[in-house]
Amino acid sequence: MPLSSDRYQNLTDDEVEHIDQFLFRFAKLQDAMGRKLFKLVLILKDDLSIDEVESMNFIDILNRLEKLKLLDTYTWRSLRDDRNELAHNYEDNAEESSIIINRLFEKRIELFKIYSKIKNYL
């Protein structure tokens, strides 16, 4: 990393596999945090019932977590948008894909910071 579009087009099978694994794990961690961890925080630390949390829109969950100073909603949306953009463009356009892969690679640190902050909070 960083990955150029030329390099992207000439990746070995092993390199493709490693990048695929990184992208898969990034997505899985982000999904698990959004679907489970964020809700758990609100249930355990924000005095909300399971039913209350389950009925909340995701943006409301993010806003509550932001009020608890556990994440920035803009940052979370940016992580999600980049990941979704890659899912739609992956392998179709070397230039766009390499840019997004590089961006996600850089943003992995931000994802881990959010996770660590929540873990320490709990």
PDB file of N, CA and C in Angstrom:
ATOM      1  N   MET A   1       0.844  -1.160   0.000  1.00  0.00           N
ATOM      2  CA  MET A   1       0.000   0.000   0.000  1.00  0.00           C
ATOM      3  C   MET A   1       0.897   1.232   0.000  1.00  0.00           C
ATOM      4  N   PRO A   2       0.590   2.262  -0.655  1.00  0.00           N
ATOM      5  CA  PRO A   2      -0.604   2.453  -1.478  1.00  0.00           C
ATOM      6  C   PRO A   2      -0.577   1.613  -2.753  1.00  0.00           C
ATOM      7  N   LEU A   3      -1.753   1.384  -3.252  1.00  0.00           N
ATOM      8  CA  LEU A   3      -1.952   0.539  -4.418  1.00  0.00           C
ATOM      9  C   LEU A   3      -2.305   1.415  -5.616  1.00  0.00           C
ATOM     10  N   SER A   4      -1.474   1.389  -6.638  1.00  0.00           N
ATOM     11  CA  SER A   4      -1.756   2.162  -7.859  1.00  0.00           C
ATOM     12  C   SER A   4      -2.685   1.353  -8.758  1.00  0.00           C
ATOM     13  N   SER A   5      -3.280   2.011  -9.735  1.00  0.00           N
ATOM     14  CA  SER A   5      -4.159   1.292 -10.666  1.00  0.00           C
ATOM     15  C   SER A   5      -3.360   0.293 -11.498  1.00  0.00           C
ATOM     16  N   ASP A   6      -2.125   0.651 -11.858  1.00  0.00           N
ATOM     17  CA  ASP A   6      -1.271  -0.292 -12.603  1.00  0.00           C
ATOM     18  C   ASP A   6      -0.966  -1.521 -11.761  1.00  0.00           C
ATOM     19  N   ARG A   7      -0.622  -1.288 -10.513  1.00  0.00           N
ATOM     20  CA  ARG A   7      -0.320  -2.403  -9.608  1.00  0.00           C
ATOM     21  C   ARG A   7      -1.569  -3.256  -9.393  1.00  0.00           C
ATOM     22  N   TYR A   8      -2.708  -2.590  -9.265  1.00  0.00           N
ATOM     23  CA  TYR A   8      -3.980  -3.288  -9.066  1.00  0.00           C
ATOM     24  C   TYR A   8      -4.244  -4.266 -10.215  1.00  0.00           C
ATOM     25  N   GLN A   9      -3.972  -3.837 -11.425  1.00  0.00           N
ATOM     26  CA  GLN A   9      -4.230  -4.679 -12.599  1.00  0.00           C
ATOM     27  C   GLN A   9      -3.261  -5.849 -12.706  1.00  0.00           C
ATOM     28  N   ASN A  10      -2.154  -5.789 -11.976  1.00  0.00           N
ATOM     29  CA  ASN A  10      -1.132  -6.836 -12.067  1.00  0.00           C
ATOM     30  C   ASN A  10      -0.918  -7.587 -10.756  1.00  0.00           C
ATOM     31  N   LEU A  11      -1.923  -7.623  -9.923  1.00  0.00           N
ATOM     32  CA  LEU A  11      -1.804  -8.332  -8.654  1.00  0.00           C
ATOM     33  C   LEU A  11      -1.690  -9.834  -8.882  1.00  0.00           C
ATOM     34  N   THR A  12      -0.904 -10.471  -8.040  1.00  0.00           N
ATOM     35  CA  THR A  12      -0.828 -11.934  -8.085  1.00  0.00           C
ATOM     36  C   THR A  12      -2.084 -12.506  -7.433  1.00  0.00           C
ATOM     37  N   ASP A  13      -2.298 -13.785  -7.615  1.00  0.00           N
ATOM     38  CA  ASP A  13      -3.456 -14.430  -6.987  1.00  0.00           C
ATOM     39  C   ASP A  13      -3.399 -14.304  -5.467  1.00  0.00           C
ATOM     40  N   ASP A  14      -2.209 -14.466  -4.901  1.00  0.00           N
ATOM     41  CA  ASP A  14      -2.057 -14.323  -3.447  1.00  0.00           C
ATOM     42  C   ASP A  14      -2.385 -12.907  -2.986  1.00  0.00           C
ATOM     43  N   GLU A  15      -1.940 -11.918  -3.729  1.00  0.00           N
ATOM     44  CA  GLU A  15      -2.220 -10.528  -3.366  1.00  0.00           C
ATOM     45  C   GLU A  15      -3.709 -10.221  -3.464  1.00  0.00           C
ATOM     46  N   VAL A  16      -4.352 -10.742  -4.488  1.00  0.00           N
ATOM     47  CA  VAL A  16      -5.804 -10.561  -4.624  1.00  0.00           C
ATOM     48  C   VAL A  16      -6.508 -11.197  -3.432  1.00  0.00           C
ATOM     49  N   GLU A  17      -6.061 -12.383  -3.061  1.00  0.00           N
ATOM     50  CA  GLU A  17      -6.660 -13.077  -1.918  1.00  0.00           C
ATOM     51  C   GLU A  17      -6.488 -12.271  -0.631  1.00  0.00           C
ATOM     52  N   HIS A  18      -5.308 -11.696  -0.432  1.00  0.00           N
ATOM     53  CA  HIS A  18      -5.065 -10.895   0.772  1.00  0.00           C
ATOM     54  C   HIS A  18      -5.934  -9.634   0.792  1.00  0.00           C
ATOM     55  N   ILE A  19      -6.047  -8.983  -0.331  1.00  0.00           N
ATOM     56  CA  ILE A  19      -6.892  -7.786  -0.397  1.00  0.00           C
ATOM     57  C   ILE A  19      -8.351  -8.159  -0.179  1.00  0.00           C
ATOM     58  N   ASP A  20      -8.792  -9.249  -0.795  1.00  0.00           N
ATOM     59  CA  ASP A  20     -10.167  -9.713  -0.586  1.00  0.00           C
ATOM     60  C   ASP A  20     -10.434  -9.999   0.889  1.00  0.00           C
ATOM     61  N   GLN A  21      -9.473 -10.633   1.559  1.00  0.00           N
ATOM     62  CA  GLN A  21      -9.628 -10.932   2.984  1.00  0.00           C
ATOM     63  C   GLN A  21      -9.692  -9.653   3.810  1.00  0.00           C
ATOM     64  N   PHE A  22      -8.847  -8.691   3.487  1.00  0.00           N
ATOM     65  CA  PHE A  22      -8.887  -7.416   4.200  1.00  0.00           C
ATOM     66  C   PHE A  22     -10.261  -6.763   4.037  1.00  0.00           C
ATOM     67  N   LEU A  23     -10.749  -6.712   2.797  1.00  0.00           N
ATOM     68  CA  LEU A  23     -12.041  -6.073   2.534  1.00  0.00           C
ATOM     69  C   LEU A  23     -13.177  -6.817   3.219  1.00  0.00           C
ATOM     70  N   PHE A  24     -13.127  -8.141   3.198  1.00  0.00           N
ATOM     71  CA  PHE A  24     -14.148  -8.959   3.849  1.00  0.00           C
ATOM     72  C   PHE A  24     -14.151  -8.704   5.353  1.00  0.00           C
ATOM     73  N   ARG A  25     -12.985  -8.705   5.956  1.00  0.00           N
ATOM     74  CA  ARG A  25     -12.897  -8.512   7.406  1.00  0.00           C
ATOM     75  C   ARG A  25     -13.276  -7.093   7.814  1.00  0.00           C
ATOM     76  N   PHE A  26     -12.905  -6.135   7.008  1.00  0.00           N
ATOM     77  CA  PHE A  26     -13.302  -4.749   7.262  1.00  0.00           C
ATOM     78  C   PHE A  26     -14.827  -4.663   7.275  1.00  0.00           C
ATOM     79  N   ALA A  27     -15.457  -5.229   6.255  1.00  0.00           N
ATOM     80  CA  ALA A  27     -16.916  -5.197   6.141  1.00  0.00           C
ATOM     81  C   ALA A  27     -17.580  -5.948   7.287  1.00  0.00           C
ATOM     82  N   LYS A  28     -17.059  -7.117   7.639  1.00  0.00           N
ATOM     83  CA  LYS A  28     -17.641  -7.911   8.726  1.00  0.00           C
ATOM     84  C   LYS A  28     -17.552  -7.173  10.053  1.00  0.00           C
ATOM     85  N   LEU A  29     -16.401  -6.568  10.328  1.00  0.00           N
ATOM     86  CA  LEU A  29     -16.251  -5.824  11.576  1.00  0.00           C
ATOM     87  C   LEU A  29     -17.204  -4.638  11.609  1.00  0.00           C
ATOM     88  N   GLN A  30     -17.270  -3.917  10.521  1.00  0.00           N
ATOM     89  CA  GLN A  30     -18.155  -2.759  10.475  1.00  0.00           C
ATOM     90  C   GLN A  30     -19.616  -3.186  10.622  1.00  0.00           C
ATOM     91  N   ASP A  31     -20.009  -4.248   9.960  1.00  0.00           N
ATOM     92  CA  ASP A  31     -21.382  -4.751  10.074  1.00  0.00           C
ATOM     93  C   ASP A  31     -21.700  -5.202  11.496  1.00  0.00           C
ATOM     94  N   ALA A  32     -20.792  -5.946  12.103  1.00  0.00           N
ATOM     95  CA  ALA A  32     -21.016  -6.440  13.463  1.00  0.00           C
ATOM     96  C   ALA A  32     -21.127  -5.282  14.453  1.00  0.00           C
ATOM     97  N   MET A  33     -20.301  -4.286  14.268  1.00  0.00           N
ATOM     98  CA  MET A  33     -20.377  -3.122  15.144  1.00  0.00           C
ATOM     99  C   MET A  33     -21.723  -2.420  14.976  1.00  0.00           C
ATOM    100  N   GLY A  34     -22.128  -2.221  13.738  1.00  0.00           N
ATOM    101  CA  GLY A  34     -23.373  -1.513  13.471  1.00  0.00           C
ATOM    102  C   GLY A  34     -24.615  -2.284  13.878  1.00  0.00           C
ATOM    103  N   ARG A  35     -24.599  -3.588  13.689  1.00  0.00           N
ATOM    104  CA  ARG A  35     -25.787  -4.387  13.983  1.00  0.00           C
ATOM    105  C   ARG A  35     -25.876  -4.848  15.432  1.00  0.00           C
ATOM    106  N   LYS A  36     -24.726  -5.041  16.080  1.00  0.00           N
ATOM    107  CA  LYS A  36     -24.755  -5.623  17.422  1.00  0.00           C
ATOM    108  C   LYS A  36     -24.124  -4.735  18.491  1.00  0.00           C
ATOM    109  N   LEU A  37     -22.886  -4.341  18.282  1.00  0.00           N
ATOM    110  CA  LEU A  37     -22.150  -3.627  19.322  1.00  0.00           C
ATOM    111  C   LEU A  37     -22.793  -2.287  19.670  1.00  0.00           C
ATOM    112  N   PHE A  38     -23.166  -1.524  18.674  1.00  0.00           N
ATOM    113  CA  PHE A  38     -23.763  -0.214  18.936  1.00  0.00           C
ATOM    114  C   PHE A  38     -25.043  -0.355  19.755  1.00  0.00           C
ATOM    115  N   LYS A  39     -25.856  -1.332  19.410  1.00  0.00           N
ATOM    116  CA  LYS A  39     -27.105  -1.556  20.146  1.00  0.00           C
ATOM    117  C   LYS A  39     -26.818  -1.993  21.575  1.00  0.00           C
ATOM    118  N   LEU A  40     -25.826  -2.846  21.737  1.00  0.00           N
ATOM    119  CA  LEU A  40     -25.456  -3.313  23.070  1.00  0.00           C
ATOM    120  C   LEU A  40     -25.030  -2.154  23.963  1.00  0.00           C
ATOM    121  N   VAL A  41     -24.284  -1.230  23.417  1.00  0.00           N
ATOM    122  CA  VAL A  41     -23.855  -0.058  24.190  1.00  0.00           C
ATOM    123  C   VAL A  41     -25.066   0.700  24.704  1.00  0.00           C
ATOM    124  N   LEU A  42     -26.041   0.915  23.849  1.00  0.00           N
ATOM    125  CA  LEU A  42     -27.218   1.680  24.264  1.00  0.00           C
ATOM    126  C   LEU A  42     -28.039   0.934  25.303  1.00  0.00           C
ATOM    127  N   ILE A  43     -28.095  -0.372  25.191  1.00  0.00           N
ATOM    128  CA  ILE A  43     -28.840  -1.168  26.168  1.00  0.00           C
ATOM    129  C   ILE A  43     -28.125  -1.156  27.520  1.00  0.00           C
ATOM    130  N   LEU A  44     -26.817  -1.357  27.505  1.00  0.00           N
ATOM    131  CA  LEU A  44     -26.063  -1.452  28.756  1.00  0.00           C
ATOM    132  C   LEU A  44     -25.759  -0.109  29.402  1.00  0.00           C
ATOM    133  N   LYS A  45     -25.516   0.910  28.598  1.00  0.00           N
ATOM    134  CA  LYS A  45     -25.006   2.165  29.151  1.00  0.00           C
ATOM    135  C   LYS A  45     -25.925   3.372  28.985  1.00  0.00           C
ATOM    136  N   ASP A  46     -26.979   3.243  28.207  1.00  0.00           N
ATOM    137  CA  ASP A  46     -27.843   4.401  27.961  1.00  0.00           C
ATOM    138  C   ASP A  46     -29.261   4.164  28.478  1.00  0.00           C
ATOM    139  N   ASP A  47     -29.410   3.123  29.296  1.00  0.00           N
ATOM    140  CA  ASP A  47     -30.692   2.822  29.950  1.00  0.00           C
ATOM    141  C   ASP A  47     -31.859   2.676  28.981  1.00  0.00           C
ATOM    142  N   LEU A  48     -31.615   2.058  27.855  1.00  0.00           N
ATOM    143  CA  LEU A  48     -32.684   1.783  26.904  1.00  0.00           C
ATOM    144  C   LEU A  48     -32.984   0.289  26.916  1.00  0.00           C
ATOM    145  N   SER A  49     -34.239  -0.045  26.694  1.00  0.00           N
ATOM    146  CA  SER A  49     -34.612  -1.458  26.633  1.00  0.00           C
ATOM    147  C   SER A  49     -34.233  -2.032  25.271  1.00  0.00           C
ATOM    148  N   ILE A  50     -34.208  -3.341  25.210  1.00  0.00           N
ATOM    149  CA  ILE A  50     -33.924  -4.014  23.939  1.00  0.00           C
ATOM    150  C   ILE A  50     -34.938  -3.583  22.892  1.00  0.00           C
ATOM    151  N   ASP A  51     -36.218  -3.550  23.268  1.00  0.00           N
ATOM    152  CA  ASP A  51     -37.266  -3.153  22.318  1.00  0.00           C
ATOM    153  C   ASP A  51     -37.079  -1.719  21.836  1.00  0.00           C
ATOM    154  N   GLU A  52     -36.702  -0.835  22.742  1.00  0.00           N
ATOM    155  CA  GLU A  52     -36.474   0.561  22.349  1.00  0.00           C
ATOM    156  C   GLU A  52     -35.335   0.661  21.336  1.00  0.00           C
ATOM    157  N   VAL A  53     -34.260  -0.040  21.617  1.00  0.00           N
ATOM    158  CA  VAL A  53     -33.101   0.010  20.721  1.00  0.00           C
ATOM    159  C   VAL A  53     -33.427  -0.632  19.381  1.00  0.00           C
ATOM    160  N   GLU A  54     -34.113  -1.762  19.412  1.00  0.00           N
ATOM    161  CA  GLU A  54     -34.461  -2.454  18.164  1.00  0.00           C
ATOM    162  C   GLU A  54     -35.389  -1.622  17.283  1.00  0.00           C
ATOM    163  N   SER A  55     -36.169  -0.756  17.883  1.00  0.00           N
ATOM    164  CA  SER A  55     -37.106   0.056  17.097  1.00  0.00           C
ATOM    165  C   SER A  55     -36.477   1.359  16.585  1.00  0.00           C
ATOM    166  N   MET A  56     -35.251   1.639  16.996  1.00  0.00           N
ATOM    167  CA  MET A  56     -34.588   2.883  16.582  1.00  0.00           C
ATOM    168  C   MET A  56     -34.054   2.780  15.162  1.00  0.00           C
ATOM    169  N   ASN A  57     -34.104   3.901  14.442  1.00  0.00           N
ATOM    170  CA  ASN A  57     -33.427   3.995  13.150  1.00  0.00           C
ATOM    171  C   ASN A  57     -31.922   4.016  13.403  1.00  0.00           C
ATOM    172  N   PHE A  58     -31.172   3.559  12.409  1.00  0.00           N
ATOM    173  CA  PHE A  58     -29.722   3.493  12.591  1.00  0.00           C
ATOM    174  C   PHE A  58     -29.121   4.870  12.827  1.00  0.00           C
ATOM    175  N   ILE A  59     -29.639   5.884  12.167  1.00  0.00           N
ATOM    176  CA  ILE A  59     -29.100   7.236  12.362  1.00  0.00           C
ATOM    177  C   ILE A  59     -29.321   7.700  13.798  1.00  0.00           C
ATOM    178  N   ASP A  60     -30.446   7.289  14.405  1.00  0.00           N
ATOM    179  CA  ASP A  60     -30.698   7.639  15.805  1.00  0.00           C
ATOM    180  C   ASP A  60     -29.707   6.941  16.733  1.00  0.00           C
ATOM    181  N   ILE A  61     -29.370   5.700  16.401  1.00  0.00           N
ATOM    182  CA  ILE A  61     -28.361   4.971  17.173  1.00  0.00           C
ATOM    183  C   ILE A  61     -27.020   5.695  17.073  1.00  0.00           C
ATOM    184  N   LEU A  62     -26.651   6.068  15.851  1.00  0.00           N
ATOM    185  CA  LEU A  62     -25.390   6.795  15.666  1.00  0.00           C
ATOM    186  C   LEU A  62     -25.386   8.110  16.433  1.00  0.00           C
ATOM    187  N   ASN A  63     -26.493   8.830  16.387  1.00  0.00           N
ATOM    188  CA  ASN A  63     -26.572  10.114  17.088  1.00  0.00           C
ATOM    189  C   ASN A  63     -26.409   9.939  18.597  1.00  0.00           C
ATOM    190  N   ARG A  64     -26.997   8.879  19.143  1.00  0.00           N
ATOM    191  CA  ARG A  64     -26.857   8.631  20.584  1.00  0.00           C
ATOM    192  C   ARG A  64     -25.417   8.271  20.933  1.00  0.00           C
ATOM    193  N   LEU A  65     -24.794   7.480  20.081  1.00  0.00           N
ATOM    194  CA  LEU A  65     -23.390   7.126  20.321  1.00  0.00           C
ATOM    195  C   LEU A  65     -22.494   8.355  20.216  1.00  0.00           C
ATOM    196  N   GLU A  66     -22.857   9.258  19.319  1.00  0.00           N
ATOM    197  CA  GLU A  66     -22.089  10.498  19.197  1.00  0.00           C
ATOM    198  C   GLU A  66     -22.250  11.344  20.461  1.00  0.00           C
ATOM    199  N   LYS A  67     -23.456  11.387  21.013  1.00  0.00           N
ATOM    200  CA  LYS A  67     -23.669  12.135  22.259  1.00  0.00           C
ATOM    201  C   LYS A  67     -22.857  11.545  23.411  1.00  0.00           C
ATOM    202  N   LEU A  68     -22.640  10.232  23.353  1.00  0.00           N
ATOM    203  CA  LEU A  68     -21.807   9.567  24.362  1.00  0.00           C
ATOM    204  C   LEU A  68     -20.313   9.734  24.058  1.00  0.00           C
ATOM    205  N   LYS A  69     -20.019  10.436  22.966  1.00  0.00           N
ATOM    206  CA  LYS A  69     -18.642  10.702  22.511  1.00  0.00           C
ATOM    207  C   LYS A  69     -17.880   9.427  22.152  1.00  0.00           C
ATOM    208  N   LEU A  70     -18.609   8.458  21.597  1.00  0.00           N
ATOM    209  CA  LEU A  70     -17.997   7.194  21.199  1.00  0.00           C
ATOM    210  C   LEU A  70     -17.654   7.146  19.720  1.00  0.00           C
ATOM    211  N   LEU A  71     -18.287   7.992  18.945  1.00  0.00           N
ATOM    212  CA  LEU A  71     -17.968   8.064  17.520  1.00  0.00           C
ATOM    213  C   LEU A  71     -18.476   9.362  16.947  1.00  0.00           C
ATOM    214  N   ASP A  72     -18.020   9.651  15.766  1.00  0.00           N
ATOM    215  CA  ASP A  72     -18.475  10.797  15.000  1.00  0.00           C
ATOM    216  C   ASP A  72     -19.339  10.247  13.866  1.00  0.00           C
ATOM    217  N   THR A  73     -20.585  10.701  13.766  1.00  0.00           N
ATOM    218  CA  THR A  73     -21.489  10.135  12.757  1.00  0.00           C
ATOM    219  C   THR A  73     -20.971  10.351  11.344  1.00  0.00           C
ATOM    220  N   TYR A  74     -20.339  11.486  11.101  1.00  0.00           N
ATOM    221  CA  TYR A  74     -19.790  11.734   9.768  1.00  0.00           C
ATOM    222  C   TYR A  74     -18.724  10.696   9.424  1.00  0.00           C
ATOM    223  N   THR A  75     -17.852  10.413  10.376  1.00  0.00           N
ATOM    224  CA  THR A  75     -16.789   9.429  10.150  1.00  0.00           C
ATOM    225  C   THR A  75     -17.382   8.058   9.866  1.00  0.00           C
ATOM    226  N   TRP A  76     -18.386   7.659  10.656  1.00  0.00           N
ATOM    227  CA  TRP A  76     -18.997   6.340  10.453  1.00  0.00           C
ATOM    228  C   TRP A  76     -19.655   6.249   9.076  1.00  0.00           C
ATOM    229  N   ARG A  77     -20.378   7.291   8.710  1.00  0.00           N
ATOM    230  CA  ARG A  77     -21.025   7.290   7.387  1.00  0.00           C
ATOM    231  C   ARG A  77     -19.991   7.242   6.268  1.00  0.00           C
ATOM    232  N   SER A  78     -18.904   7.951   6.450  1.00  0.00           N
ATOM    233  CA  SER A  78     -17.839   7.954   5.455  1.00  0.00           C
ATOM    234  C   SER A  78     -17.241   6.557   5.295  1.00  0.00           C
ATOM    235  N   LEU A  79     -17.020   5.864   6.400  1.00  0.00           N
ATOM    236  CA  LEU A  79     -16.526   4.483   6.348  1.00  0.00           C
ATOM    237  C   LEU A  79     -17.503   3.599   5.575  1.00  0.00           C
ATOM    238  N   ARG A  80     -18.768   3.739   5.898  1.00  0.00           N
ATOM    239  CA  ARG A  80     -19.799   2.931   5.241  1.00  0.00           C
ATOM    240  C   ARG A  80     -19.924   3.276   3.757  1.00  0.00           C
ATOM    241  N   ASP A  81     -19.901   4.554   3.440  1.00  0.00           N
ATOM    242  CA  ASP A  81     -20.034   4.973   2.042  1.00  0.00           C
ATOM    243  C   ASP A  81     -18.871   4.472   1.190  1.00  0.00           C
ATOM    244  N   ASP A  82     -17.660   4.565   1.729  1.00  0.00           N
ATOM    245  CA  ASP A  82     -16.492   4.066   0.987  1.00  0.00           C
ATOM    246  C   ASP A  82     -16.590   2.563   0.762  1.00  0.00           C
ATOM    247  N   ARG A  83     -16.990   1.854   1.795  1.00  0.00           N
ATOM    248  CA  ARG A  83     -17.126   0.405   1.657  1.00  0.00           C
ATOM    249  C   ARG A  83     -18.194   0.049   0.629  1.00  0.00           C
ATOM    250  N   ASN A  84     -19.311   0.740   0.669  1.00  0.00           N
ATOM    251  CA  ASN A  84     -20.384   0.482  -0.296  1.00  0.00           C
ATOM    252  C   ASN A  84     -19.968   0.851  -1.713  1.00  0.00           C
ATOM    253  N   GLU A  85     -19.222   1.933  -1.847  1.00  0.00           N
ATOM    254  CA  GLU A  85     -18.743   2.338  -3.172  1.00  0.00           C
ATOM    255  C   GLU A  85     -17.841   1.262  -3.763  1.00  0.00           C
ATOM    256  N   LEU A  86     -16.991   0.704  -2.942  1.00  0.00           N
ATOM    257  CA  LEU A  86     -16.102  -0.354  -3.417  1.00  0.00           C
ATOM    258  C   LEU A  86     -16.902  -1.581  -3.831  1.00  0.00           C
ATOM    259  N   ALA A  87     -17.925  -1.916  -3.075  1.00  0.00           N
ATOM    260  CA  ALA A  87     -18.736  -3.092  -3.404  1.00  0.00           C
ATOM    261  C   ALA A  87     -19.377  -2.949  -4.783  1.00  0.00           C
ATOM    262  N   HIS A  88     -19.709  -1.717  -5.162  1.00  0.00           N
ATOM    263  CA  HIS A  88     -20.335  -1.492  -6.468  1.00  0.00           C
ATOM    264  C   HIS A  88     -19.322  -1.373  -7.600  1.00  0.00           C
ATOM    265  N   ASN A  89     -18.094  -0.969  -7.282  1.00  0.00           N
ATOM    266  CA  ASN A  89     -17.091  -0.739  -8.323  1.00  0.00           C
ATOM    267  C   ASN A  89     -15.971  -1.764  -8.340  1.00  0.00           C
ATOM    268  N   TYR A  90     -15.925  -2.621  -7.347  1.00  0.00           N
ATOM    269  CA  TYR A  90     -14.800  -3.547  -7.193  1.00  0.00           C
ATOM    270  C   TYR A  90     -14.610  -4.371  -8.453  1.00  0.00           C
ATOM    271  N   GLU A  91     -13.415  -4.341  -8.978  1.00  0.00           N
ATOM    272  CA  GLU A  91     -12.966  -5.075 -10.151  1.00  0.00           C
ATOM    273  C   GLU A  91     -13.450  -4.480 -11.476  1.00  0.00           C
ATOM    274  N   ASP A  92     -14.391  -3.553 -11.449  1.00  0.00           N
ATOM    275  CA  ASP A  92     -14.887  -2.960 -12.688  1.00  0.00           C
ATOM    276  C   ASP A  92     -13.956  -1.874 -13.218  1.00  0.00           C
ATOM    277  N   ASN A  93     -13.382  -1.106 -12.323  1.00  0.00           N
ATOM    278  CA  ASN A  93     -12.561   0.032 -12.710  1.00  0.00           C
ATOM    279  C   ASN A  93     -11.312   0.061 -11.830  1.00  0.00           C
ATOM    280  N   ALA A  94     -10.167  -0.227 -12.419  1.00  0.00           N
ATOM    281  CA  ALA A  94      -8.920  -0.339 -11.658  1.00  0.00           C
ATOM    282  C   ALA A  94      -8.574   0.957 -10.935  1.00  0.00           C
ATOM    283  N   GLU A  95      -8.759   2.083 -11.606  1.00  0.00           N
ATOM    284  CA  GLU A  95      -8.413   3.372 -10.999  1.00  0.00           C
ATOM    285  C   GLU A  95      -9.278   3.640  -9.769  1.00  0.00           C
ATOM    286  N   GLU A  96     -10.597   3.540  -9.929  1.00  0.00           N
ATOM    287  CA  GLU A  96     -11.507   3.786  -8.808  1.00  0.00           C
ATOM    288  C   GLU A  96     -11.302   2.775  -7.690  1.00  0.00           C
ATOM    289  N   SER A  97     -11.155   1.510  -8.065  1.00  0.00           N
ATOM    290  CA  SER A  97     -10.989   0.462  -7.054  1.00  0.00           C
ATOM    291  C   SER A  97      -9.724   0.660  -6.243  1.00  0.00           C
ATOM    292  N   SER A  98      -8.625   0.991  -6.904  1.00  0.00           N
ATOM    293  CA  SER A  98      -7.370   1.188  -6.168  1.00  0.00           C
ATOM    294  C   SER A  98      -7.473   2.386  -5.226  1.00  0.00           C
ATOM    295  N   ILE A  99      -8.143   3.432  -5.649  1.00  0.00           N
ATOM    296  CA  ILE A  99      -8.327   4.610  -4.789  1.00  0.00           C
ATOM    297  C   ILE A  99      -9.139   4.244  -3.554  1.00  0.00           C
ATOM    298  N   ILE A 100     -10.227   3.510  -3.760  1.00  0.00           N
ATOM    299  CA  ILE A 100     -11.093   3.155  -2.634  1.00  0.00           C
ATOM    300  C   ILE A 100     -10.404   2.160  -1.704  1.00  0.00           C
ATOM    301  N   ILE A 101      -9.688   1.193  -2.267  1.00  0.00           N
ATOM    302  CA  ILE A 101      -8.947   0.238  -1.430  1.00  0.00           C
ATOM    303  C   ILE A 101      -7.927   0.984  -0.573  1.00  0.00           C
ATOM    304  N   ASN A 102      -7.214   1.916  -1.169  1.00  0.00           N
ATOM    305  CA  ASN A 102      -6.248   2.720  -0.404  1.00  0.00           C
ATOM    306  C   ASN A 102      -6.946   3.511   0.700  1.00  0.00           C
ATOM    307  N   ARG A 103      -8.089   4.080   0.373  1.00  0.00           N
ATOM    308  CA  ARG A 103      -8.839   4.868   1.354  1.00  0.00           C
ATOM    309  C   ARG A 103      -9.285   3.984   2.519  1.00  0.00           C
ATOM    310  N   LEU A 104      -9.812   2.798   2.209  1.00  0.00           N
ATOM    311  CA  LEU A 104     -10.239   1.888   3.271  1.00  0.00           C
ATOM    312  C   LEU A 104      -9.053   1.405   4.096  1.00  0.00           C
ATOM    313  N   PHE A 105      -7.938   1.171   3.442  1.00  0.00           N
ATOM    314  CA  PHE A 105      -6.749   0.747   4.174  1.00  0.00           C
ATOM    315  C   PHE A 105      -6.338   1.823   5.177  1.00  0.00           C
ATOM    316  N   GLU A 106      -6.398   3.070   4.768  1.00  0.00           N
ATOM    317  CA  GLU A 106      -6.084   4.168   5.686  1.00  0.00           C
ATOM    318  C   GLU A 106      -7.138   4.282   6.783  1.00  0.00           C
ATOM    319  N   LYS A 107      -8.396   4.080   6.426  1.00  0.00           N
ATOM    320  CA  LYS A 107      -9.488   4.258   7.382  1.00  0.00           C
ATOM    321  C   LYS A 107      -9.643   3.087   8.346  1.00  0.00           C
ATOM    322  N   ARG A 108      -8.925   1.999   8.112  1.00  0.00           N
ATOM    323  CA  ARG A 108      -9.000   0.868   9.034  1.00  0.00           C
ATOM    324  C   ARG A 108      -8.618   1.325  10.437  1.00  0.00           C
ATOM    325  N   ILE A 109      -7.713   2.275  10.508  1.00  0.00           N
ATOM    326  CA  ILE A 109      -7.270   2.795  11.798  1.00  0.00           C
ATOM    327  C   ILE A 109      -8.432   3.470  12.515  1.00  0.00           C
ATOM    328  N   GLU A 110      -9.216   4.226  11.767  1.00  0.00           N
ATOM    329  CA  GLU A 110     -10.378   4.904  12.349  1.00  0.00           C
ATOM    330  C   GLU A 110     -11.406   3.890  12.843  1.00  0.00           C
ATOM    331  N   LEU A 111     -11.625   2.839  12.076  1.00  0.00           N
ATOM    332  CA  LEU A 111     -12.562   1.785  12.483  1.00  0.00           C
ATOM    333  C   LEU A 111     -12.086   1.132  13.780  1.00  0.00           C
ATOM    334  N   PHE A 112     -10.805   0.828  13.870  1.00  0.00           N
ATOM    335  CA  PHE A 112     -10.254   0.223  15.083  1.00  0.00           C
ATOM    336  C   PHE A 112     -10.320   1.181  16.271  1.00  0.00           C
ATOM    337  N   LYS A 113     -10.150   2.471  16.028  1.00  0.00           N
ATOM    338  CA  LYS A 113     -10.255   3.458  17.108  1.00  0.00           C
ATOM    339  C   LYS A 113     -11.666   3.470  17.689  1.00  0.00           C
ATOM    340  N   ILE A 114     -12.661   3.444  16.803  1.00  0.00           N
ATOM    341  CA  ILE A 114     -14.051   3.424  17.262  1.00  0.00           C
ATOM    342  C   ILE A 114     -14.303   2.162  18.079  1.00  0.00           C
ATOM    343  N   TYR A 115     -13.864   1.033  17.556  1.00  0.00           N
ATOM    344  CA  TYR A 115     -14.047  -0.235  18.262  1.00  0.00           C
ATOM    345  C   TYR A 115     -13.364  -0.197  19.634  1.00  0.00           C
ATOM    346  N   SER A 116     -12.137   0.267  19.676  1.00  0.00           N
ATOM    347  CA  SER A 116     -11.386   0.318  20.936  1.00  0.00           C
ATOM    348  C   SER A 116     -12.037   1.260  21.941  1.00  0.00           C
ATOM    349  N   LYS A 117     -12.518   2.388  21.459  1.00  0.00           N
ATOM    350  CA  LYS A 117     -13.168   3.354  22.340  1.00  0.00           C
ATOM    351  C   LYS A 117     -14.415   2.741  22.974  1.00  0.00           C
ATOM    352  N   ILE A 118     -15.198   2.034  22.173  1.00  0.00           N
ATOM    353  CA  ILE A 118     -16.404   1.390  22.698  1.00  0.00           C
ATOM    354  C   ILE A 118     -16.028   0.259  23.654  1.00  0.00           C
ATOM    355  N   LYS A 119     -15.051  -0.519  23.286  1.00  0.00           N
ATOM    356  CA  LYS A 119     -14.600  -1.625  24.144  1.00  0.00           C
ATOM    357  C   LYS A 119     -14.162  -1.090  25.510  1.00  0.00           C
ATOM    358  N   ASN A 120     -13.406  -0.016  25.522  1.00  0.00           N
ATOM    359  CA  ASN A 120     -12.964   0.580  26.786  1.00  0.00           C
ATOM    360  C   ASN A 120     -14.129   1.183  27.567  1.00  0.00           C
ATOM    361  N   TYR A 121     -15.107   1.699  26.850  1.00  0.00           N
ATOM    362  CA  TYR A 121     -16.286   2.293  27.483  1.00  0.00           C
ATOM    363  C   TYR A 121     -17.114   1.233  28.204  1.00  0.00           C
ATOM    364  N   LEU A 122     -17.196   0.057  27.593  1.00  0.00           N
ATOM    365  CA  LEU A 122     -17.974  -1.022  28.202  1.00  0.00           C
ATOM    366  C   LEU A 122     -17.221  -1.620  29.383  1.00  0.00           C
TER     367      LEU A 122
END
